[in-house]
């Protein structure tokens, strides 16, 4: 099977943006009272995470459950669209946007692979003509259950979802960009890897 143009895979938080985006989205999408209750639920899990006793996956799972169980999916879609248009432009890295523009100008397929929620990442990607691969929340009849729909798009799940979405053998070159150890599996998909915007030798394994 002949190869085609390159594929470029970008982590979002910390790579395209200068900071984590989900905390601000949470603050904008739930009431002050619910935010306070969520902070009470999160405190022991966050402390356990800092001590190495709880994973970041558990922290996010607890956050979603405490903040969004019983919430309206329609409300989050509305907030997410506004967040993508009004907040995200203020935290984007100029170098990241220039690199994305370069890939698009070369005719490369460009995807954003992130644990961020689709409520705001999907509309942002649509505006910039990028493919979103991200986390979603389970809903029933428009009401959120407080659980993720499937696995969170983090760590090895990033690589799994990329391979499920794209036939990677068809691409002559695969670029990947990340900024944290959680992106190691994503970088492992690539032939050209960039960690914190520095190229990593593709032959040294995933020890970035």
N, C-alpha and C. Protein backbone atom coordinates (compact mmCIF):
# COMPACT_ATOMS: atom_id res chain seq x y z
N UNK A 1 0.85 -1.19 0.00
CA UNK A 1 0.00 0.00 0.00
C UNK A 1 0.89 1.24 0.00
N UNK A 2 0.67 2.20 -0.91
CA UNK A 2 1.51 3.38 -0.97
C UNK A 2 1.32 4.28 0.24
N UNK A 3 2.41 4.98 0.63
CA UNK A 3 2.31 5.92 1.73
C UNK A 3 1.77 7.25 1.25
N UNK A 4 1.23 8.04 2.18
CA UNK A 4 0.66 9.34 1.85
C UNK A 4 1.40 10.41 2.63
N UNK A 5 0.87 11.62 2.60
CA UNK A 5 1.48 12.74 3.31
C UNK A 5 1.59 12.45 4.80
N UNK A 6 2.33 13.28 5.48
CA UNK A 6 2.64 13.03 6.88
C UNK A 6 1.44 13.25 7.80
N UNK A 7 1.56 12.67 8.99
CA UNK A 7 0.59 12.83 10.06
C UNK A 7 1.28 13.56 11.21
N UNK A 8 0.63 14.59 11.75
CA UNK A 8 1.19 15.34 12.87
C UNK A 8 0.25 15.24 14.06
N UNK A 9 0.78 14.83 15.21
CA UNK A 9 0.00 14.59 16.42
C UNK A 9 0.46 15.55 17.51
N UNK A 10 -0.46 16.35 18.02
CA UNK A 10 -0.13 17.33 19.04
C UNK A 10 -0.89 17.06 20.34
N UNK A 11 -0.17 16.97 21.44
CA UNK A 11 -0.80 17.09 22.74
C UNK A 11 -1.35 18.52 22.84
N UNK A 12 -2.33 18.74 23.72
CA UNK A 12 -2.94 20.07 23.82
C UNK A 12 -2.42 20.86 25.03
N UNK A 13 -2.80 20.44 26.25
CA UNK A 13 -2.41 21.20 27.44
C UNK A 13 -0.90 21.15 27.66
N UNK A 14 -0.29 22.33 27.70
CA UNK A 14 1.14 22.42 27.94
C UNK A 14 1.97 22.35 26.67
N UNK A 15 1.37 21.91 25.57
CA UNK A 15 2.08 21.85 24.30
C UNK A 15 1.55 22.92 23.35
N UNK A 16 0.26 22.88 23.06
CA UNK A 16 -0.37 23.94 22.27
C UNK A 16 -0.70 25.13 23.18
N UNK A 17 -1.09 24.84 24.41
CA UNK A 17 -1.41 25.90 25.37
C UNK A 17 -0.27 26.08 26.36
N UNK A 18 -0.28 27.23 27.03
CA UNK A 18 0.75 27.52 28.03
C UNK A 18 0.37 27.01 29.41
N UNK A 19 -0.85 26.48 29.56
CA UNK A 19 -1.30 26.02 30.87
C UNK A 19 -2.41 24.99 30.72
N UNK A 20 -2.72 24.33 31.83
CA UNK A 20 -3.83 23.38 31.84
C UNK A 20 -5.15 24.13 31.63
N UNK A 21 -6.03 23.57 30.84
CA UNK A 21 -7.27 24.27 30.51
C UNK A 21 -8.49 23.75 31.26
N UNK A 22 -8.47 22.50 31.69
CA UNK A 22 -9.67 21.94 32.30
C UNK A 22 -10.06 22.63 33.61
N UNK A 23 -9.12 23.01 34.48
CA UNK A 23 -9.55 23.69 35.71
C UNK A 23 -10.38 24.94 35.44
N UNK A 24 -9.98 25.74 34.46
CA UNK A 24 -10.74 26.95 34.14
C UNK A 24 -12.09 26.60 33.52
N UNK A 25 -12.12 25.56 32.70
CA UNK A 25 -13.40 25.15 32.12
C UNK A 25 -14.36 24.70 33.21
N UNK A 26 -13.85 23.96 34.19
CA UNK A 26 -14.70 23.52 35.30
C UNK A 26 -15.27 24.73 36.03
N UNK A 27 -14.42 25.71 36.33
CA UNK A 27 -14.89 26.90 37.06
C UNK A 27 -16.00 27.63 36.30
N UNK A 28 -15.93 27.60 34.98
CA UNK A 28 -16.91 28.32 34.18
C UNK A 28 -18.18 27.52 33.92
N UNK A 29 -18.14 26.22 34.17
CA UNK A 29 -19.25 25.37 33.74
C UNK A 29 -20.13 24.86 34.87
N UNK A 30 -19.75 25.11 36.14
CA UNK A 30 -20.59 24.68 37.25
C UNK A 30 -20.80 25.83 38.22
N UNK A 31 -21.76 25.70 39.10
CA UNK A 31 -22.07 26.75 40.06
C UNK A 31 -20.99 26.83 41.13
N UNK A 32 -20.94 27.97 41.81
CA UNK A 32 -19.98 28.16 42.90
C UNK A 32 -20.21 27.15 44.01
N UNK A 33 -21.47 26.88 44.33
CA UNK A 33 -21.78 25.92 45.38
C UNK A 33 -21.28 24.52 45.02
N UNK A 34 -21.52 24.12 43.79
CA UNK A 34 -21.08 22.79 43.37
C UNK A 34 -19.55 22.73 43.31
N UNK A 35 -18.93 23.82 42.93
CA UNK A 35 -17.47 23.84 42.89
C UNK A 35 -16.89 23.65 44.28
N UNK A 36 -17.50 24.27 45.28
CA UNK A 36 -17.03 24.11 46.66
C UNK A 36 -17.18 22.67 47.14
N UNK A 37 -18.31 22.05 46.81
CA UNK A 37 -18.51 20.65 47.19
C UNK A 37 -17.51 19.74 46.49
N UNK A 38 -17.23 20.05 45.21
CA UNK A 38 -16.27 19.26 44.45
C UNK A 38 -14.88 19.37 45.06
N UNK A 39 -14.52 20.55 45.52
CA UNK A 39 -13.21 20.75 46.13
C UNK A 39 -13.06 19.90 47.40
N UNK A 40 -14.16 19.76 48.14
CA UNK A 40 -14.13 18.92 49.34
C UNK A 40 -13.89 17.46 48.95
N UNK A 41 -14.57 17.01 47.90
CA UNK A 41 -14.41 15.62 47.45
C UNK A 41 -13.01 15.38 46.88
N UNK A 42 -12.46 16.40 46.23
CA UNK A 42 -11.17 16.24 45.55
C UNK A 42 -9.98 16.30 46.48
N UNK A 43 -10.11 17.03 47.58
CA UNK A 43 -8.94 17.29 48.43
C UNK A 43 -8.19 16.02 48.84
N UNK A 44 -8.85 14.98 49.37
CA UNK A 44 -8.09 13.78 49.77
C UNK A 44 -7.46 13.06 48.58
N UNK A 45 -8.12 13.10 47.42
CA UNK A 45 -7.57 12.42 46.24
C UNK A 45 -6.35 13.17 45.72
N UNK A 46 -6.43 14.49 45.72
CA UNK A 46 -5.29 15.29 45.27
C UNK A 46 -4.09 15.09 46.20
N UNK A 47 -4.35 15.07 47.50
CA UNK A 47 -3.27 14.84 48.47
C UNK A 47 -2.65 13.46 48.27
N UNK A 48 -3.49 12.46 48.01
CA UNK A 48 -2.98 11.11 47.75
C UNK A 48 -2.14 11.08 46.48
N UNK A 49 -2.57 11.85 45.48
CA UNK A 49 -1.81 11.92 44.23
C UNK A 49 -0.43 12.53 44.46
N UNK A 50 -0.37 13.57 45.26
CA UNK A 50 0.91 14.22 45.55
C UNK A 50 1.86 13.30 46.31
N UNK A 51 1.28 12.37 47.05
CA UNK A 51 2.09 11.41 47.81
C UNK A 51 2.39 10.15 47.00
N UNK A 52 1.92 10.12 45.78
CA UNK A 52 2.15 8.96 44.93
C UNK A 52 1.21 7.80 45.20
N UNK A 53 0.11 8.07 45.89
CA UNK A 53 -0.82 7.00 46.26
C UNK A 53 -2.06 6.95 45.37
N UNK A 54 -2.23 7.93 44.52
CA UNK A 54 -3.39 7.96 43.61
C UNK A 54 -2.93 8.52 42.28
N UNK A 55 -3.43 7.96 41.19
CA UNK A 55 -3.02 8.40 39.86
C UNK A 55 -3.75 9.66 39.44
N UNK A 56 -3.19 10.34 38.46
CA UNK A 56 -3.87 11.51 37.89
C UNK A 56 -5.17 11.10 37.20
N UNK A 57 -5.23 9.86 36.74
CA UNK A 57 -6.46 9.35 36.12
C UNK A 57 -7.58 9.32 37.16
N UNK A 58 -7.25 8.87 38.38
CA UNK A 58 -8.24 8.85 39.45
C UNK A 58 -8.66 10.27 39.84
N UNK A 59 -7.73 11.20 39.85
CA UNK A 59 -8.05 12.59 40.18
C UNK A 59 -9.06 13.13 39.18
N UNK A 60 -8.82 12.92 37.89
CA UNK A 60 -9.75 13.42 36.87
C UNK A 60 -11.10 12.71 36.96
N UNK A 61 -11.08 11.41 37.25
CA UNK A 61 -12.33 10.66 37.38
C UNK A 61 -13.17 11.21 38.54
N UNK A 62 -12.51 11.51 39.64
CA UNK A 62 -13.20 12.08 40.81
C UNK A 62 -13.71 13.48 40.50
N UNK A 63 -12.92 14.26 39.78
CA UNK A 63 -13.34 15.60 39.38
C UNK A 63 -14.60 15.57 38.54
N UNK A 64 -14.62 14.71 37.55
CA UNK A 64 -15.77 14.60 36.66
C UNK A 64 -17.01 14.15 37.42
N UNK A 65 -16.85 13.17 38.30
CA UNK A 65 -17.99 12.66 39.05
C UNK A 65 -18.57 13.74 39.97
N UNK A 66 -17.70 14.44 40.68
CA UNK A 66 -18.18 15.43 41.66
C UNK A 66 -18.72 16.69 41.00
N UNK A 67 -18.22 17.01 39.80
CA UNK A 67 -18.64 18.25 39.14
C UNK A 67 -19.82 18.05 38.18
N UNK A 68 -19.89 16.92 37.51
CA UNK A 68 -20.80 16.83 36.38
C UNK A 68 -21.90 15.77 36.48
N UNK A 69 -21.93 15.02 37.55
CA UNK A 69 -23.02 14.04 37.67
C UNK A 69 -24.37 14.77 37.74
N UNK A 70 -25.25 14.44 36.81
CA UNK A 70 -26.57 15.07 36.76
C UNK A 70 -26.62 16.38 36.01
N UNK A 71 -25.48 16.83 35.46
CA UNK A 71 -25.43 18.10 34.74
C UNK A 71 -26.01 17.94 33.33
N UNK A 72 -26.42 19.04 32.75
CA UNK A 72 -26.96 19.06 31.40
C UNK A 72 -25.83 19.07 30.38
N UNK A 73 -25.87 18.11 29.46
CA UNK A 73 -24.87 18.08 28.39
C UNK A 73 -25.01 19.30 27.50
N UNK A 74 -26.23 19.75 27.28
CA UNK A 74 -26.46 20.93 26.46
C UNK A 74 -25.81 22.16 27.06
N UNK A 75 -25.88 22.27 28.38
CA UNK A 75 -25.24 23.41 29.05
C UNK A 75 -23.74 23.38 28.83
N UNK A 76 -23.13 22.20 28.98
CA UNK A 76 -21.68 22.11 28.79
C UNK A 76 -21.28 22.36 27.34
N UNK A 77 -22.12 21.97 26.40
CA UNK A 77 -21.83 22.27 25.00
C UNK A 77 -21.81 23.77 24.76
N UNK A 78 -22.77 24.49 25.37
CA UNK A 78 -22.83 25.95 25.23
C UNK A 78 -21.62 26.61 25.87
N UNK A 79 -21.29 26.18 27.09
CA UNK A 79 -20.13 26.73 27.79
C UNK A 79 -18.84 26.39 27.03
N UNK A 80 -18.76 25.16 26.51
CA UNK A 80 -17.57 24.73 25.78
C UNK A 80 -17.32 25.54 24.53
N UNK A 81 -18.38 25.87 23.80
CA UNK A 81 -18.24 26.67 22.59
C UNK A 81 -17.73 28.06 22.93
N UNK A 82 -18.30 28.67 23.97
CA UNK A 82 -17.84 30.00 24.40
C UNK A 82 -16.40 29.93 24.90
N UNK A 83 -16.07 28.88 25.62
CA UNK A 83 -14.71 28.69 26.16
C UNK A 83 -13.69 28.60 25.02
N UNK A 84 -14.05 27.85 23.98
CA UNK A 84 -13.16 27.69 22.83
C UNK A 84 -12.93 29.01 22.10
N UNK A 85 -13.95 29.84 22.04
CA UNK A 85 -13.86 31.10 21.30
C UNK A 85 -13.26 32.23 22.11
N UNK A 86 -13.54 32.25 23.42
CA UNK A 86 -13.19 33.40 24.23
C UNK A 86 -11.97 33.20 25.13
N UNK A 87 -11.81 31.99 25.65
CA UNK A 87 -10.72 31.75 26.60
C UNK A 87 -9.48 31.15 25.93
N UNK A 88 -9.67 30.11 25.15
CA UNK A 88 -8.51 29.40 24.60
C UNK A 88 -7.57 30.27 23.78
N UNK A 89 -8.05 31.22 22.98
CA UNK A 89 -7.11 32.06 22.22
C UNK A 89 -6.11 32.80 23.11
N UNK A 90 -6.43 33.01 24.37
CA UNK A 90 -5.55 33.75 25.27
C UNK A 90 -4.43 32.91 25.86
N UNK A 91 -4.51 31.59 25.71
CA UNK A 91 -3.50 30.72 26.34
C UNK A 91 -2.73 29.89 25.32
N UNK A 92 -2.88 30.18 24.05
CA UNK A 92 -2.20 29.41 23.01
C UNK A 92 -0.74 29.85 22.89
N UNK A 93 0.12 28.91 22.63
CA UNK A 93 1.53 29.20 22.38
C UNK A 93 1.71 29.62 20.91
N UNK A 94 2.36 30.73 20.70
CA UNK A 94 2.57 31.21 19.33
C UNK A 94 3.38 30.20 18.51
N UNK A 95 4.41 29.62 19.12
CA UNK A 95 5.24 28.67 18.37
C UNK A 95 4.45 27.43 17.98
N UNK A 96 3.52 27.02 18.84
CA UNK A 96 2.70 25.85 18.54
C UNK A 96 1.77 26.14 17.36
N UNK A 97 1.16 27.31 17.36
CA UNK A 97 0.25 27.65 16.28
C UNK A 97 1.00 27.83 14.97
N UNK A 98 2.22 28.34 15.03
CA UNK A 98 3.03 28.44 13.80
C UNK A 98 3.37 27.05 13.28
N UNK A 99 3.68 26.14 14.17
CA UNK A 99 4.03 24.78 13.75
C UNK A 99 2.82 24.08 13.14
N UNK A 100 1.66 24.25 13.75
CA UNK A 100 0.44 23.68 13.20
C UNK A 100 0.18 24.25 11.81
N UNK A 101 0.35 25.56 11.65
CA UNK A 101 0.13 26.20 10.35
C UNK A 101 1.11 25.64 9.31
N UNK A 102 2.35 25.37 9.73
CA UNK A 102 3.34 24.81 8.81
C UNK A 102 2.90 23.43 8.34
N UNK A 103 2.47 22.58 9.27
CA UNK A 103 2.02 21.24 8.88
C UNK A 103 0.84 21.32 7.91
N UNK A 104 -0.11 22.17 8.19
CA UNK A 104 -1.27 22.30 7.31
C UNK A 104 -0.86 22.78 5.93
N UNK A 105 0.10 23.71 5.87
CA UNK A 105 0.57 24.22 4.58
C UNK A 105 1.27 23.14 3.77
N UNK A 106 1.85 22.15 4.46
CA UNK A 106 2.50 21.03 3.77
C UNK A 106 1.50 19.97 3.32
N UNK A 107 0.24 20.14 3.69
CA UNK A 107 -0.77 19.16 3.35
C UNK A 107 -0.82 17.98 4.30
N UNK A 108 -0.22 18.12 5.47
CA UNK A 108 -0.21 17.03 6.45
C UNK A 108 -1.56 16.94 7.17
N UNK A 109 -1.90 15.73 7.58
CA UNK A 109 -3.04 15.54 8.48
C UNK A 109 -2.61 15.93 9.88
N UNK A 110 -3.39 16.78 10.55
CA UNK A 110 -3.01 17.27 11.88
C UNK A 110 -4.11 16.91 12.87
N UNK A 111 -3.72 16.25 13.95
CA UNK A 111 -4.66 15.85 14.99
C UNK A 111 -4.19 16.36 16.35
N UNK A 112 -5.15 16.72 17.18
CA UNK A 112 -4.87 17.09 18.57
C UNK A 112 -5.30 15.91 19.44
N UNK A 113 -4.36 15.34 20.18
CA UNK A 113 -4.61 14.13 20.97
C UNK A 113 -4.48 14.50 22.44
N UNK A 114 -5.60 14.50 23.16
CA UNK A 114 -5.60 15.11 24.48
C UNK A 114 -6.60 14.47 25.42
N UNK A 115 -6.31 14.56 26.70
CA UNK A 115 -7.28 14.16 27.71
C UNK A 115 -8.34 15.22 27.96
N UNK A 116 -8.21 16.37 27.31
CA UNK A 116 -9.18 17.44 27.46
C UNK A 116 -10.56 16.97 27.00
N UNK A 117 -11.59 17.63 27.51
CA UNK A 117 -12.96 17.24 27.18
C UNK A 117 -13.36 17.75 25.81
N UNK A 118 -14.15 16.94 25.11
CA UNK A 118 -14.58 17.31 23.77
C UNK A 118 -15.51 18.52 23.76
N UNK A 119 -16.12 18.85 24.89
CA UNK A 119 -17.03 19.99 24.92
C UNK A 119 -16.36 21.27 24.44
N UNK A 120 -15.09 21.44 24.76
CA UNK A 120 -14.40 22.63 24.28
C UNK A 120 -13.30 22.35 23.26
N UNK A 121 -12.70 21.15 23.32
CA UNK A 121 -11.63 20.88 22.37
C UNK A 121 -12.17 20.65 20.96
N UNK A 122 -13.31 19.98 20.84
CA UNK A 122 -13.88 19.71 19.51
C UNK A 122 -14.22 20.99 18.75
N UNK A 123 -14.91 21.98 19.37
CA UNK A 123 -15.18 23.21 18.62
C UNK A 123 -13.92 24.00 18.29
N UNK A 124 -12.92 23.96 19.18
CA UNK A 124 -11.66 24.65 18.88
C UNK A 124 -10.98 23.99 17.68
N UNK A 125 -10.94 22.67 17.67
CA UNK A 125 -10.32 21.96 16.54
C UNK A 125 -11.09 22.21 15.25
N UNK A 126 -12.41 22.25 15.33
CA UNK A 126 -13.21 22.52 14.14
C UNK A 126 -12.87 23.87 13.55
N UNK A 127 -12.72 24.87 14.41
CA UNK A 127 -12.38 26.22 13.95
C UNK A 127 -11.04 26.25 13.23
N UNK A 128 -10.10 25.42 13.71
CA UNK A 128 -8.75 25.43 13.14
C UNK A 128 -8.53 24.29 12.14
N UNK A 129 -9.59 23.57 11.81
CA UNK A 129 -9.54 22.48 10.83
C UNK A 129 -8.52 21.40 11.23
N UNK A 130 -8.65 20.96 12.47
CA UNK A 130 -7.81 19.91 13.03
C UNK A 130 -8.69 18.75 13.47
N UNK A 131 -8.12 17.55 13.52
CA UNK A 131 -8.87 16.38 13.97
C UNK A 131 -8.75 16.25 15.50
N UNK A 132 -9.86 16.22 16.23
CA UNK A 132 -9.78 16.03 17.68
C UNK A 132 -9.83 14.56 18.07
N UNK A 133 -8.91 14.16 18.93
CA UNK A 133 -8.96 12.85 19.58
C UNK A 133 -8.85 13.15 21.07
N UNK A 134 -9.95 13.00 21.80
CA UNK A 134 -9.96 13.50 23.17
C UNK A 134 -10.94 12.71 24.04
N UNK A 135 -11.10 13.16 25.26
CA UNK A 135 -11.99 12.48 26.21
C UNK A 135 -13.42 12.98 26.07
N UNK A 136 -14.37 12.08 26.31
CA UNK A 136 -15.79 12.42 26.28
C UNK A 136 -16.44 11.94 27.57
N UNK A 137 -17.57 12.53 27.91
CA UNK A 137 -18.32 12.14 29.10
C UNK A 137 -19.58 11.38 28.70
N UNK A 138 -19.91 10.40 29.49
CA UNK A 138 -21.11 9.59 29.26
C UNK A 138 -22.36 10.41 29.56
N UNK A 139 -23.37 10.27 28.71
CA UNK A 139 -24.64 10.96 28.94
C UNK A 139 -25.81 10.07 28.56
N UNK A 140 -26.92 10.29 29.22
CA UNK A 140 -28.15 9.56 28.93
C UNK A 140 -29.28 10.58 28.86
N UNK A 141 -29.91 10.64 27.69
CA UNK A 141 -31.01 11.59 27.48
C UNK A 141 -30.58 13.01 27.81
N UNK A 142 -29.35 13.35 27.45
CA UNK A 142 -28.87 14.71 27.63
C UNK A 142 -28.38 15.04 29.02
N UNK A 143 -28.34 14.05 29.92
CA UNK A 143 -27.87 14.27 31.29
C UNK A 143 -26.59 13.47 31.51
N UNK A 144 -25.59 14.12 32.06
CA UNK A 144 -24.31 13.46 32.28
C UNK A 144 -24.37 12.52 33.48
N UNK A 145 -23.72 11.37 33.33
CA UNK A 145 -23.71 10.37 34.40
C UNK A 145 -22.63 10.65 35.44
N UNK A 146 -21.66 11.52 35.08
CA UNK A 146 -20.52 11.74 35.97
C UNK A 146 -19.38 10.78 35.71
N UNK A 147 -19.46 10.05 34.61
CA UNK A 147 -18.40 9.11 34.24
C UNK A 147 -17.88 9.45 32.85
N UNK A 148 -16.66 9.05 32.60
CA UNK A 148 -16.10 9.16 31.25
C UNK A 148 -16.77 8.14 30.33
N UNK A 149 -16.88 8.51 29.08
CA UNK A 149 -17.36 7.58 28.06
C UNK A 149 -16.14 6.83 27.54
N UNK A 150 -15.97 5.60 27.99
CA UNK A 150 -14.77 4.86 27.66
C UNK A 150 -13.59 5.35 28.49
N UNK A 151 -12.40 5.06 28.02
CA UNK A 151 -11.19 5.43 28.75
C UNK A 151 -10.85 6.90 28.54
N UNK A 152 -10.22 7.49 29.54
CA UNK A 152 -9.68 8.83 29.37
C UNK A 152 -8.59 8.78 28.30
N UNK A 153 -8.53 9.81 27.48
CA UNK A 153 -7.54 9.84 26.40
C UNK A 153 -6.20 10.35 26.94
N UNK A 154 -5.56 9.53 27.72
CA UNK A 154 -4.27 9.87 28.33
C UNK A 154 -3.35 8.66 28.25
N UNK A 155 -2.05 8.92 28.36
CA UNK A 155 -1.03 7.89 28.40
C UNK A 155 -1.16 6.91 27.22
N UNK A 156 -1.22 5.61 27.50
CA UNK A 156 -1.27 4.62 26.41
C UNK A 156 -2.55 4.71 25.60
N UNK A 157 -3.61 5.28 26.19
CA UNK A 157 -4.86 5.42 25.45
C UNK A 157 -4.71 6.39 24.30
N UNK A 158 -3.83 7.38 24.44
CA UNK A 158 -3.58 8.30 23.33
C UNK A 158 -3.06 7.53 22.11
N UNK A 159 -2.07 6.69 22.33
CA UNK A 159 -1.51 5.91 21.22
C UNK A 159 -2.53 4.95 20.66
N UNK A 160 -3.31 4.33 21.54
CA UNK A 160 -4.32 3.36 21.07
C UNK A 160 -5.35 4.05 20.18
N UNK A 161 -5.81 5.21 20.60
CA UNK A 161 -6.83 5.90 19.82
C UNK A 161 -6.29 6.43 18.50
N UNK A 162 -5.03 6.85 18.50
CA UNK A 162 -4.41 7.28 17.23
C UNK A 162 -4.38 6.11 16.26
N UNK A 163 -3.95 4.96 16.73
CA UNK A 163 -3.85 3.79 15.83
C UNK A 163 -5.23 3.31 15.39
N UNK A 164 -6.24 3.53 16.24
CA UNK A 164 -7.60 3.15 15.86
C UNK A 164 -8.17 4.11 14.82
N UNK A 165 -7.76 5.37 14.88
CA UNK A 165 -8.28 6.38 13.96
C UNK A 165 -7.56 6.36 12.61
N UNK A 166 -6.25 6.15 12.64
CA UNK A 166 -5.44 6.24 11.43
C UNK A 166 -4.70 4.93 11.15
N UNK A 167 -4.57 4.63 9.90
CA UNK A 167 -3.73 3.50 9.48
C UNK A 167 -2.31 4.05 9.37
N UNK A 168 -1.58 3.99 10.47
CA UNK A 168 -0.31 4.72 10.56
C UNK A 168 0.72 4.27 9.53
N UNK A 169 0.62 3.04 9.04
CA UNK A 169 1.59 2.56 8.05
C UNK A 169 1.46 3.28 6.72
N UNK A 170 0.37 4.00 6.53
CA UNK A 170 0.15 4.72 5.27
C UNK A 170 0.90 6.06 5.23
N UNK A 171 1.42 6.49 6.36
CA UNK A 171 2.07 7.81 6.40
C UNK A 171 3.58 7.67 6.30
N UNK A 172 4.17 8.45 5.41
CA UNK A 172 5.62 8.40 5.22
C UNK A 172 6.36 8.91 6.44
N UNK A 173 5.79 9.91 7.13
CA UNK A 173 6.38 10.47 8.34
C UNK A 173 5.27 10.75 9.35
N UNK A 174 5.52 10.44 10.60
CA UNK A 174 4.58 10.79 11.67
C UNK A 174 5.32 11.65 12.69
N UNK A 175 4.82 12.85 12.89
CA UNK A 175 5.35 13.77 13.88
C UNK A 175 4.50 13.67 15.15
N UNK A 176 5.13 13.84 16.31
CA UNK A 176 4.37 13.91 17.55
C UNK A 176 5.02 14.93 18.48
N UNK A 177 4.15 15.68 19.17
CA UNK A 177 4.61 16.76 20.05
C UNK A 177 3.97 16.58 21.42
N UNK A 178 4.79 16.58 22.47
CA UNK A 178 4.27 16.45 23.83
C UNK A 178 5.12 17.22 24.81
N UNK A 179 4.65 17.30 26.06
CA UNK A 179 5.39 18.08 27.04
C UNK A 179 5.55 17.40 28.39
N UNK A 180 4.98 16.22 28.58
CA UNK A 180 5.04 15.57 29.88
C UNK A 180 5.22 14.07 29.72
N UNK A 181 5.59 13.37 30.79
CA UNK A 181 5.72 11.91 30.71
C UNK A 181 4.43 11.23 30.27
N UNK A 182 3.28 11.87 30.48
CA UNK A 182 2.02 11.28 30.03
C UNK A 182 1.93 11.19 28.51
N UNK A 183 2.85 11.87 27.80
CA UNK A 183 2.83 11.86 26.34
C UNK A 183 3.81 10.86 25.74
N UNK A 184 4.50 10.09 26.56
CA UNK A 184 5.52 9.17 26.06
C UNK A 184 4.93 8.17 25.07
N UNK A 185 3.74 7.63 25.38
CA UNK A 185 3.13 6.65 24.47
C UNK A 185 2.75 7.30 23.14
N UNK A 186 2.30 8.54 23.18
CA UNK A 186 1.99 9.25 21.95
C UNK A 186 3.24 9.46 21.12
N UNK A 187 4.33 9.85 21.76
CA UNK A 187 5.59 10.03 21.03
C UNK A 187 6.07 8.71 20.43
N UNK A 188 5.72 7.62 21.10
CA UNK A 188 6.14 6.32 20.60
C UNK A 188 5.53 5.93 19.28
N UNK A 189 4.43 6.59 18.89
CA UNK A 189 3.79 6.32 17.60
C UNK A 189 4.59 6.94 16.47
N UNK A 190 5.38 7.97 16.78
CA UNK A 190 5.96 8.83 15.76
C UNK A 190 7.31 8.37 15.24
N UNK A 191 7.66 8.88 14.07
CA UNK A 191 9.01 8.73 13.53
C UNK A 191 9.85 9.98 13.81
N UNK A 192 9.17 11.11 14.05
CA UNK A 192 9.85 12.35 14.45
C UNK A 192 9.16 12.86 15.71
N UNK A 193 9.90 12.90 16.80
CA UNK A 193 9.30 13.18 18.11
C UNK A 193 9.85 14.49 18.67
N UNK A 194 8.94 15.26 19.28
CA UNK A 194 9.33 16.53 19.88
C UNK A 194 8.79 16.58 21.32
N UNK A 195 9.72 16.69 22.27
CA UNK A 195 9.35 16.77 23.67
C UNK A 195 9.73 18.14 24.17
N UNK A 196 8.70 18.92 24.59
CA UNK A 196 8.90 20.31 24.99
C UNK A 196 9.62 21.08 23.90
N UNK A 197 9.23 20.78 22.68
CA UNK A 197 9.69 21.48 21.47
C UNK A 197 11.13 21.20 21.10
N UNK A 198 11.74 20.20 21.73
CA UNK A 198 13.07 19.75 21.34
C UNK A 198 12.95 18.38 20.71
N UNK A 199 13.57 18.19 19.55
CA UNK A 199 13.46 16.89 18.88
C UNK A 199 14.20 15.82 19.67
N UNK A 200 13.56 14.67 19.77
CA UNK A 200 14.11 13.51 20.48
C UNK A 200 14.50 12.47 19.46
N UNK A 201 15.64 11.85 19.65
CA UNK A 201 16.11 10.82 18.74
C UNK A 201 15.09 9.67 18.68
N UNK A 202 14.58 9.39 17.50
CA UNK A 202 13.57 8.35 17.34
C UNK A 202 14.09 6.96 17.65
N UNK A 203 15.41 6.80 17.74
CA UNK A 203 15.99 5.47 17.96
C UNK A 203 16.33 5.23 19.43
N UNK A 204 16.06 6.21 20.31
CA UNK A 204 16.43 6.02 21.70
C UNK A 204 15.30 5.48 22.54
N UNK A 205 14.21 5.05 21.89
CA UNK A 205 13.08 4.51 22.61
C UNK A 205 12.18 5.63 23.10
N UNK A 206 11.44 5.38 24.15
CA UNK A 206 10.47 6.36 24.65
C UNK A 206 10.96 7.00 25.95
N UNK A 207 12.22 6.87 26.26
CA UNK A 207 12.76 7.46 27.48
C UNK A 207 13.09 8.93 27.23
N UNK A 208 12.02 9.79 27.31
CA UNK A 208 12.22 11.21 27.09
C UNK A 208 12.35 11.96 28.40
